[in-house]
Full PDB file with SEQRES, HELIX, SHEET, SSBOND, CRYST1, ORIGX, SCALE, CONECT and MASTER records, all heavy atoms in Angstrom:
SEQRES   1 A   32  VAL GLU ILE TYR GLY PHE SER ARG ALA ARG PHE VAL ILE          
SEQRES   2 A   32  TRP LEU GLY PHE ALA MET ASN LEU LEU VAL THR LEU LEU          
SEQRES   3 A   32  LEU GLN LEU GLY LEU ALA                                      
HELIX    1 AA1 PHE A    6  LEU A   31  1                                  26    
CRYST1    1.000    1.000    1.000  90.00  90.00  90.00 P 1           1          
ORIGX1      1.000000  0.000000  0.000000        0.00000                         
ORIGX2      0.000000  1.000000  0.000000        0.00000                         
ORIGX3      0.000000  0.000000  1.000000        0.00000                         
SCALE1      1.000000  0.000000  0.000000        0.00000                         
SCALE2      0.000000  1.000000  0.000000        0.00000                         
SCALE3      0.000000  0.000000  1.000000        0.00000                         
ATOM      1  N   VAL A   1     -12.098  -9.871  -3.358  1.00  0.00           N  
ATOM      2  CA  VAL A   1     -12.345 -11.215  -3.841  1.00  0.00           C  
ATOM      3  C   VAL A   1     -12.638 -11.333  -5.346  1.00  0.00           C  
ATOM      4  O   VAL A   1     -12.157 -12.234  -6.142  1.00  0.00           O  
ATOM      5  CB  VAL A   1     -13.482 -11.947  -3.030  1.00  0.00           C  
ATOM      6  CG1 VAL A   1     -13.823 -13.260  -3.510  1.00  0.00           C  
ATOM      7  CG2 VAL A   1     -12.941 -12.040  -1.552  1.00  0.00           C  
ATOM      8  N   GLU A   2     -13.602 -10.402  -5.751  1.00  0.00           N  
ATOM      9  CA  GLU A   2     -14.112 -10.405  -7.064  1.00  0.00           C  
ATOM     10  C   GLU A   2     -12.913 -10.200  -8.043  1.00  0.00           C  
ATOM     11  O   GLU A   2     -12.850 -10.751  -9.214  1.00  0.00           O  
ATOM     12  CB  GLU A   2     -15.127  -9.317  -7.255  1.00  0.00           C  
ATOM     13  CG  GLU A   2     -15.836  -9.250  -8.623  1.00  0.00           C  
ATOM     14  CD  GLU A   2     -16.778 -10.376  -8.885  1.00  0.00           C  
ATOM     15  OE1 GLU A   2     -17.083 -11.291  -7.885  1.00  0.00           O  
ATOM     16  OE2 GLU A   2     -17.155 -10.745 -10.003  1.00  0.00           O  
ATOM     17  N   ILE A   3     -11.995  -9.161  -7.761  1.00  0.00           N  
ATOM     18  CA  ILE A   3     -10.936  -8.865  -8.733  1.00  0.00           C  
ATOM     19  C   ILE A   3      -9.753  -9.658  -8.545  1.00  0.00           C  
ATOM     20  O   ILE A   3      -9.001 -10.199  -9.482  1.00  0.00           O  
ATOM     21  CB  ILE A   3     -10.560  -7.396  -8.518  1.00  0.00           C  
ATOM     22  CG1 ILE A   3     -11.740  -6.414  -8.624  1.00  0.00           C  
ATOM     23  CG2 ILE A   3      -9.466  -6.987  -9.475  1.00  0.00           C  
ATOM     24  CD1 ILE A   3     -12.444  -6.576  -9.983  1.00  0.00           C  
ATOM     25  N   TYR A   4      -9.285 -10.031  -7.221  1.00  0.00           N  
ATOM     26  CA  TYR A   4      -8.004 -10.606  -6.985  1.00  0.00           C  
ATOM     27  C   TYR A   4      -8.049 -11.950  -6.373  1.00  0.00           C  
ATOM     28  O   TYR A   4      -7.086 -12.755  -6.407  1.00  0.00           O  
ATOM     29  CB  TYR A   4      -7.134  -9.774  -6.017  1.00  0.00           C  
ATOM     30  CG  TYR A   4      -6.987  -8.274  -6.361  1.00  0.00           C  
ATOM     31  CD1 TYR A   4      -7.879  -7.254  -5.862  1.00  0.00           C  
ATOM     32  CD2 TYR A   4      -6.071  -7.945  -7.345  1.00  0.00           C  
ATOM     33  CE1 TYR A   4      -7.693  -5.996  -6.230  1.00  0.00           C  
ATOM     34  CE2 TYR A   4      -5.881  -6.573  -7.692  1.00  0.00           C  
ATOM     35  CZ  TYR A   4      -6.669  -5.701  -7.191  1.00  0.00           C  
ATOM     36  OH  TYR A   4      -6.587  -4.336  -7.532  1.00  0.00           O  
ATOM     37  N   GLY A   5      -9.291 -12.490  -5.941  1.00  0.00           N  
ATOM     38  CA  GLY A   5      -9.420 -13.696  -5.493  1.00  0.00           C  
ATOM     39  C   GLY A   5      -9.286 -13.922  -3.901  1.00  0.00           C  
ATOM     40  O   GLY A   5      -8.944 -12.943  -3.252  1.00  0.00           O  
ATOM     41  N   PHE A   6      -9.655 -15.008  -3.411  1.00  0.00           N  
ATOM     42  CA  PHE A   6      -9.777 -15.334  -2.051  1.00  0.00           C  
ATOM     43  C   PHE A   6      -8.456 -15.153  -1.303  1.00  0.00           C  
ATOM     44  O   PHE A   6      -8.363 -14.671  -0.155  1.00  0.00           O  
ATOM     45  CB  PHE A   6     -10.386 -16.754  -1.684  1.00  0.00           C  
ATOM     46  CG  PHE A   6     -10.344 -16.966  -0.284  1.00  0.00           C  
ATOM     47  CD1 PHE A   6     -11.435 -16.546   0.493  1.00  0.00           C  
ATOM     48  CD2 PHE A   6      -9.469 -17.785   0.327  1.00  0.00           C  
ATOM     49  CE1 PHE A   6     -11.475 -16.987   1.951  1.00  0.00           C  
ATOM     50  CE2 PHE A   6      -9.383 -18.131   1.571  1.00  0.00           C  
ATOM     51  CZ  PHE A   6     -10.406 -17.788   2.527  1.00  0.00           C  
ATOM     52  N   SER A   7      -7.353 -15.537  -2.001  1.00  0.00           N  
ATOM     53  CA  SER A   7      -6.091 -15.544  -1.308  1.00  0.00           C  
ATOM     54  C   SER A   7      -5.663 -14.178  -1.035  1.00  0.00           C  
ATOM     55  O   SER A   7      -4.943 -14.019   0.113  1.00  0.00           O  
ATOM     56  CB  SER A   7      -4.938 -16.225  -2.189  1.00  0.00           C  
ATOM     57  OG  SER A   7      -4.937 -15.609  -3.456  1.00  0.00           O  
ATOM     58  N   ARG A   8      -5.875 -13.223  -1.842  1.00  0.00           N  
ATOM     59  CA  ARG A   8      -5.597 -11.823  -1.468  1.00  0.00           C  
ATOM     60  C   ARG A   8      -6.429 -11.337  -0.435  1.00  0.00           C  
ATOM     61  O   ARG A   8      -6.005 -10.488   0.374  1.00  0.00           O  
ATOM     62  CB  ARG A   8      -5.655 -10.974  -2.787  1.00  0.00           C  
ATOM     63  CG  ARG A   8      -4.652 -11.227  -3.949  1.00  0.00           C  
ATOM     64  CD  ARG A   8      -3.268 -10.651  -3.462  1.00  0.00           C  
ATOM     65  NE  ARG A   8      -2.185 -10.894  -4.362  1.00  0.00           N  
ATOM     66  CZ  ARG A   8      -1.791 -10.094  -5.345  1.00  0.00           C  
ATOM     67  NH1 ARG A   8      -2.573  -8.865  -5.505  1.00  0.00           N  
ATOM     68  NH2 ARG A   8      -0.893 -10.354  -6.168  1.00  0.00           N  
ATOM     69  N   ALA A   9      -7.751 -11.594  -0.494  1.00  0.00           N  
ATOM     70  CA  ALA A   9      -8.639 -11.226   0.553  1.00  0.00           C  
ATOM     71  C   ALA A   9      -8.249 -11.708   1.899  1.00  0.00           C  
ATOM     72  O   ALA A   9      -8.268 -11.056   2.960  1.00  0.00           O  
ATOM     73  CB  ALA A   9     -10.074 -11.621   0.202  1.00  0.00           C  
ATOM     74  N   ARG A  10      -7.757 -13.025   1.966  1.00  0.00           N  
ATOM     75  CA  ARG A  10      -7.466 -13.579   3.228  1.00  0.00           C  
ATOM     76  C   ARG A  10      -6.180 -12.862   3.772  1.00  0.00           C  
ATOM     77  O   ARG A  10      -6.159 -12.594   4.989  1.00  0.00           O  
ATOM     78  CB  ARG A  10      -7.041 -15.083   2.857  1.00  0.00           C  
ATOM     79  CG  ARG A  10      -6.331 -15.849   4.068  1.00  0.00           C  
ATOM     80  CD  ARG A  10      -6.186 -17.263   3.668  1.00  0.00           C  
ATOM     81  NE  ARG A  10      -5.371 -17.331   2.435  1.00  0.00           N  
ATOM     82  CZ  ARG A  10      -5.344 -18.441   1.728  1.00  0.00           C  
ATOM     83  NH1 ARG A  10      -6.049 -19.443   2.085  1.00  0.00           N  
ATOM     84  NH2 ARG A  10      -4.574 -18.505   0.613  1.00  0.00           N  
ATOM     85  N   PHE A  11      -5.206 -12.471   2.986  1.00  0.00           N  
ATOM     86  CA  PHE A  11      -4.022 -11.758   3.337  1.00  0.00           C  
ATOM     87  C   PHE A  11      -4.468 -10.308   3.865  1.00  0.00           C  
ATOM     88  O   PHE A  11      -4.048 -10.061   4.999  1.00  0.00           O  
ATOM     89  CB  PHE A  11      -3.209 -11.528   2.111  1.00  0.00           C  
ATOM     90  CG  PHE A  11      -2.014 -10.656   2.416  1.00  0.00           C  
ATOM     91  CD1 PHE A  11      -0.947 -11.039   3.204  1.00  0.00           C  
ATOM     92  CD2 PHE A  11      -1.957  -9.236   1.989  1.00  0.00           C  
ATOM     93  CE1 PHE A  11       0.222 -10.116   3.377  1.00  0.00           C  
ATOM     94  CE2 PHE A  11      -0.930  -8.416   2.277  1.00  0.00           C  
ATOM     95  CZ  PHE A  11       0.175  -8.835   2.921  1.00  0.00           C  
ATOM     96  N   VAL A  12      -5.400  -9.687   3.303  1.00  0.00           N  
ATOM     97  CA  VAL A  12      -5.898  -8.372   3.745  1.00  0.00           C  
ATOM     98  C   VAL A  12      -6.680  -8.549   5.064  1.00  0.00           C  
ATOM     99  O   VAL A  12      -6.514  -7.682   5.922  1.00  0.00           O  
ATOM    100  CB  VAL A  12      -6.779  -7.781   2.622  1.00  0.00           C  
ATOM    101  CG1 VAL A  12      -7.369  -6.509   3.132  1.00  0.00           C  
ATOM    102  CG2 VAL A  12      -5.905  -7.362   1.407  1.00  0.00           C  
ATOM    103  N   ILE A  13      -7.452  -9.578   5.208  1.00  0.00           N  
ATOM    104  CA  ILE A  13      -8.132  -9.814   6.496  1.00  0.00           C  
ATOM    105  C   ILE A  13      -7.183  -9.991   7.672  1.00  0.00           C  
ATOM    106  O   ILE A  13      -7.384  -9.396   8.652  1.00  0.00           O  
ATOM    107  CB  ILE A  13      -9.033 -11.020   6.358  1.00  0.00           C  
ATOM    108  CG1 ILE A  13     -10.176 -10.690   5.377  1.00  0.00           C  
ATOM    109  CG2 ILE A  13      -9.650 -11.408   7.749  1.00  0.00           C  
ATOM    110  CD1 ILE A  13     -11.053 -11.870   5.051  1.00  0.00           C  
ATOM    111  N   TRP A  14      -6.241 -10.799   7.374  1.00  0.00           N  
ATOM    112  CA  TRP A  14      -5.163 -10.928   8.435  1.00  0.00           C  
ATOM    113  C   TRP A  14      -4.386  -9.649   8.759  1.00  0.00           C  
ATOM    114  O   TRP A  14      -4.072  -9.380   9.862  1.00  0.00           O  
ATOM    115  CB  TRP A  14      -4.223 -12.053   8.103  1.00  0.00           C  
ATOM    116  CG  TRP A  14      -4.735 -13.396   8.356  1.00  0.00           C  
ATOM    117  CD1 TRP A  14      -5.048 -14.464   7.576  1.00  0.00           C  
ATOM    118  CD2 TRP A  14      -4.926 -14.000   9.743  1.00  0.00           C  
ATOM    119  NE1 TRP A  14      -5.486 -15.560   8.291  1.00  0.00           N  
ATOM    120  CE2 TRP A  14      -5.495 -15.338   9.534  1.00  0.00           C  
ATOM    121  CE3 TRP A  14      -4.754 -13.471  10.967  1.00  0.00           C  
ATOM    122  CZ2 TRP A  14      -5.798 -16.185  10.682  1.00  0.00           C  
ATOM    123  CZ3 TRP A  14      -5.102 -14.270  12.175  1.00  0.00           C  
ATOM    124  CH2 TRP A  14      -5.438 -15.708  11.883  1.00  0.00           C  
ATOM    125  N   LEU A  15      -4.142  -8.887   7.668  1.00  0.00           N  
ATOM    126  CA  LEU A  15      -3.525  -7.739   7.932  1.00  0.00           C  
ATOM    127  C   LEU A  15      -4.459  -6.644   8.694  1.00  0.00           C  
ATOM    128  O   LEU A  15      -3.889  -5.915   9.556  1.00  0.00           O  
ATOM    129  CB  LEU A  15      -3.279  -6.999   6.489  1.00  0.00           C  
ATOM    130  CG  LEU A  15      -2.496  -5.630   6.407  1.00  0.00           C  
ATOM    131  CD1 LEU A  15      -1.024  -5.803   7.034  1.00  0.00           C  
ATOM    132  CD2 LEU A  15      -2.325  -5.041   4.991  1.00  0.00           C  
ATOM    133  N   GLY A  16      -5.747  -6.542   8.419  1.00  0.00           N  
ATOM    134  CA  GLY A  16      -6.647  -5.817   9.201  1.00  0.00           C  
ATOM    135  C   GLY A  16      -6.601  -6.266  10.718  1.00  0.00           C  
ATOM    136  O   GLY A  16      -6.681  -5.411  11.470  1.00  0.00           O  
ATOM    137  N   PHE A  17      -6.625  -7.510  10.829  1.00  0.00           N  
ATOM    138  CA  PHE A  17      -6.656  -8.120  12.156  1.00  0.00           C  
ATOM    139  C   PHE A  17      -5.400  -7.697  13.032  1.00  0.00           C  
ATOM    140  O   PHE A  17      -5.532  -7.263  14.064  1.00  0.00           O  
ATOM    141  CB  PHE A  17      -6.674  -9.730  12.110  1.00  0.00           C  
ATOM    142  CG  PHE A  17      -6.666 -10.449  13.352  1.00  0.00           C  
ATOM    143  CD1 PHE A  17      -7.891 -10.692  14.176  1.00  0.00           C  
ATOM    144  CD2 PHE A  17      -5.479 -10.698  14.020  1.00  0.00           C  
ATOM    145  CE1 PHE A  17      -7.861 -11.258  15.358  1.00  0.00           C  
ATOM    146  CE2 PHE A  17      -5.436 -11.378  15.278  1.00  0.00           C  
ATOM    147  CZ  PHE A  17      -6.788 -11.632  15.836  1.00  0.00           C  
ATOM    148  N   ALA A  18      -4.233  -7.776  12.305  1.00  0.00           N  
ATOM    149  CA  ALA A  18      -2.984  -7.377  12.950  1.00  0.00           C  
ATOM    150  C   ALA A  18      -2.802  -5.987  13.262  1.00  0.00           C  
ATOM    151  O   ALA A  18      -2.454  -5.629  14.359  1.00  0.00           O  
ATOM    152  CB  ALA A  18      -1.770  -7.871  12.039  1.00  0.00           C  
ATOM    153  N   MET A  19      -3.391  -5.053  12.293  1.00  0.00           N  
ATOM    154  CA  MET A  19      -3.279  -3.674  12.533  1.00  0.00           C  
ATOM    155  C   MET A  19      -4.116  -3.300  13.671  1.00  0.00           C  
ATOM    156  O   MET A  19      -3.876  -2.335  14.420  1.00  0.00           O  
ATOM    157  CB  MET A  19      -3.558  -2.782  11.209  1.00  0.00           C  
ATOM    158  CG  MET A  19      -2.458  -3.129  10.099  1.00  0.00           C  
ATOM    159  SD  MET A  19      -0.872  -2.562  10.668  1.00  0.00           S  
ATOM    160  CE  MET A  19      -0.108  -4.154  11.059  1.00  0.00           C  
ATOM    161  N   ASN A  20      -5.462  -3.877  13.754  1.00  0.00           N  
ATOM    162  CA  ASN A  20      -6.351  -3.568  14.711  1.00  0.00           C  
ATOM    163  C   ASN A  20      -5.755  -3.852  16.073  1.00  0.00           C  
ATOM    164  O   ASN A  20      -5.932  -3.227  17.070  1.00  0.00           O  
ATOM    165  CB  ASN A  20      -7.698  -4.265  14.407  1.00  0.00           C  
ATOM    166  CG  ASN A  20      -8.958  -3.637  15.131  1.00  0.00           C  
ATOM    167  OD1 ASN A  20      -8.757  -2.627  15.678  1.00  0.00           O  
ATOM    168  ND2 ASN A  20      -9.877  -4.538  15.448  1.00  0.00           N  
ATOM    169  N   LEU A  21      -5.129  -5.051  16.070  1.00  0.00           N  
ATOM    170  CA  LEU A  21      -4.612  -5.489  17.400  1.00  0.00           C  
ATOM    171  C   LEU A  21      -3.519  -4.602  17.769  1.00  0.00           C  
ATOM    172  O   LEU A  21      -3.328  -4.303  18.919  1.00  0.00           O  
ATOM    173  CB  LEU A  21      -4.072  -6.992  17.140  1.00  0.00           C  
ATOM    174  CG  LEU A  21      -3.371  -7.539  18.360  1.00  0.00           C  
ATOM    175  CD1 LEU A  21      -4.346  -7.655  19.580  1.00  0.00           C  
ATOM    176  CD2 LEU A  21      -2.760  -9.052  18.061  1.00  0.00           C  
ATOM    177  N   LEU A  22      -2.636  -4.169  16.911  1.00  0.00           N  
ATOM    178  CA  LEU A  22      -1.435  -3.190  17.143  1.00  0.00           C  
ATOM    179  C   LEU A  22      -2.041  -1.961  17.751  1.00  0.00           C  
ATOM    180  O   LEU A  22      -1.512  -1.428  18.709  1.00  0.00           O  
ATOM    181  CB  LEU A  22      -0.752  -2.947  15.971  1.00  0.00           C  
ATOM    182  CG  LEU A  22       0.422  -2.003  16.018  1.00  0.00           C  
ATOM    183  CD1 LEU A  22       1.428  -2.449  17.160  1.00  0.00           C  
ATOM    184  CD2 LEU A  22       1.117  -1.777  14.659  1.00  0.00           C  
ATOM    185  N   VAL A  23      -3.138  -1.397  17.072  1.00  0.00           N  
ATOM    186  CA  VAL A  23      -3.766  -0.029  17.570  1.00  0.00           C  
ATOM    187  C   VAL A  23      -4.256  -0.376  18.977  1.00  0.00           C  
ATOM    188  O   VAL A  23      -4.179   0.522  19.879  1.00  0.00           O  
ATOM    189  CB  VAL A  23      -4.843   0.350  16.616  1.00  0.00           C  
ATOM    190  CG1 VAL A  23      -5.593   1.560  17.292  1.00  0.00           C  
ATOM    191  CG2 VAL A  23      -4.136   0.814  15.381  1.00  0.00           C  
ATOM    192  N   THR A  24      -4.966  -1.419  19.240  1.00  0.00           N  
ATOM    193  CA  THR A  24      -5.505  -1.669  20.443  1.00  0.00           C  
ATOM    194  C   THR A  24      -4.388  -1.922  21.608  1.00  0.00           C  
ATOM    195  O   THR A  24      -4.605  -1.169  22.645  1.00  0.00           O  
ATOM    196  CB  THR A  24      -6.270  -2.994  20.547  1.00  0.00           C  
ATOM    197  OG1 THR A  24      -7.331  -3.050  19.535  1.00  0.00           O  
ATOM    198  CG2 THR A  24      -6.856  -3.301  21.904  1.00  0.00           C  
ATOM    199  N   LEU A  25      -3.312  -2.551  21.294  1.00  0.00           N  
ATOM    200  CA  LEU A  25      -2.222  -2.656  22.203  1.00  0.00           C  
ATOM    201  C   LEU A  25      -1.593  -1.368  22.556  1.00  0.00           C  
ATOM    202  O   LEU A  25      -1.255  -0.969  23.650  1.00  0.00           O  
ATOM    203  CB  LEU A  25      -1.146  -3.662  21.752  1.00  0.00           C  
ATOM    204  CG  LEU A  25      -1.745  -5.106  21.673  1.00  0.00           C  
ATOM    205  CD1 LEU A  25      -0.590  -5.860  21.085  1.00  0.00           C  
ATOM    206  CD2 LEU A  25      -2.079  -5.639  23.047  1.00  0.00           C  
ATOM    207  N   LEU A  26      -1.456  -0.505  21.490  1.00  0.00           N  
ATOM    208  CA  LEU A  26      -0.860   0.887  21.635  1.00  0.00           C  
ATOM    209  C   LEU A  26      -1.582   1.776  22.554  1.00  0.00           C  
ATOM    210  O   LEU A  26      -1.168   2.573  23.231  1.00  0.00           O  
ATOM    211  CB  LEU A  26      -0.401   1.411  20.308  1.00  0.00           C  
ATOM    212  CG  LEU A  26       0.706   0.770  19.532  1.00  0.00           C  
ATOM    213  CD1 LEU A  26       0.785   1.473  18.181  1.00  0.00           C  
ATOM    214  CD2 LEU A  26       2.010   0.789  20.273  1.00  0.00           C  
ATOM    215  N   LEU A  27      -3.035   1.672  22.337  1.00  0.00           N  
ATOM    216  CA  LEU A  27      -3.923   2.412  23.174  1.00  0.00           C  
ATOM    217  C   LEU A  27      -3.775   2.080  24.568  1.00  0.00           C  
ATOM    218  O   LEU A  27      -4.058   2.914  25.497  1.00  0.00           O  
ATOM    219  CB  LEU A  27      -5.303   2.377  22.574  1.00  0.00           C  
ATOM    220  CG  LEU A  27      -5.731   3.087  21.212  1.00  0.00           C  
ATOM    221  CD1 LEU A  27      -7.026   2.790  20.699  1.00  0.00           C  
ATOM    222  CD2 LEU A  27      -5.416   4.579  21.481  1.00  0.00           C  
ATOM    223  N   GLN A  28      -3.802   0.688  24.785  1.00  0.00           N  
ATOM    224  CA  GLN A  28      -3.643   0.270  26.170  1.00  0.00           C  
ATOM    225  C   GLN A  28      -2.393   0.717  26.863  1.00  0.00           C  
ATOM    226  O   GLN A  28      -2.369   1.087  28.091  1.00  0.00           O  
ATOM    227  CB  GLN A  28      -3.808  -1.318  26.262  1.00  0.00           C  
ATOM    228  CG  GLN A  28      -5.149  -1.806  25.689  1.00  0.00           C  
ATOM    229  CD  GLN A  28      -6.324  -1.265  26.193  1.00  0.00           C  
ATOM    230  OE1 GLN A  28      -6.549  -1.178  27.316  1.00  0.00           O  
ATOM    231  NE2 GLN A  28      -7.063  -0.512  25.237  1.00  0.00           N  
ATOM    232  N   LEU A  29      -1.277   0.720  26.094  1.00  0.00           N  
ATOM    233  CA  LEU A  29       0.004   1.295  26.486  1.00  0.00           C  
ATOM    234  C   LEU A  29      -0.157   2.712  26.965  1.00  0.00           C  
ATOM    235  O   LEU A  29       0.267   3.217  27.958  1.00  0.00           O  
ATOM    236  CB  LEU A  29       1.032   1.107  25.470  1.00  0.00           C  
ATOM    237  CG  LEU A  29       2.442   1.706  25.819  1.00  0.00           C  
ATOM    238  CD1 LEU A  29       2.964   1.077  27.069  1.00  0.00           C  
ATOM    239  CD2 LEU A  29       3.429   1.575  24.646  1.00  0.00           C  
ATOM    240  N   GLY A  30      -0.930   3.431  26.101  1.00  0.00           N  
ATOM    241  CA  GLY A  30      -1.129   4.874  26.379  1.00  0.00           C  
ATOM    242  C   GLY A  30      -1.854   5.094  27.672  1.00  0.00           C  
ATOM    243  O   GLY A  30      -1.630   5.971  28.487  1.00  0.00           O  
ATOM    244  N   LEU A  31      -2.958   4.235  27.863  1.00  0.00           N  
ATOM    245  CA  LEU A  31      -3.697   4.271  29.067  1.00  0.00           C  
ATOM    246  C   LEU A  31      -2.984   4.009  30.349  1.00  0.00           C  
ATOM    247  O   LEU A  31      -3.036   4.580  31.439  1.00  0.00           O  
ATOM    248  CB  LEU A  31      -4.945   3.402  28.990  1.00  0.00           C  
ATOM    249  CG  LEU A  31      -6.018   3.759  27.928  1.00  0.00           C  
ATOM    250  CD1 LEU A  31      -7.023   2.548  27.894  1.00  0.00           C  
ATOM    251  CD2 LEU A  31      -6.741   4.945  28.450  1.00  0.00           C  
ATOM    252  N   ALA A  32      -1.979   3.044  30.097  1.00  0.00           N  
ATOM    253  CA  ALA A  32      -1.103   2.558  31.303  1.00  0.00           C  
ATOM    254  C   ALA A  32      -0.058   3.557  31.767  1.00  0.00           C  
ATOM    255  O   ALA A  32       0.430   3.491  32.891  1.00  0.00           O  
ATOM    256  CB  ALA A  32      -0.557   1.215  31.029  1.00  0.00           C  
TER     257      ALA A  32                                                      
MASTER        0    0    0    1    0    0    0    6  256    1    0    3          
END                                                                             
């Protein structure tokens, strides 16, 4: 936020959300 602004931070937050969700779904697939 300090260097690039809120818009870039917002993009990274959604990216983190998506990657975390992907890892979670893949782990559940591995368990199944």
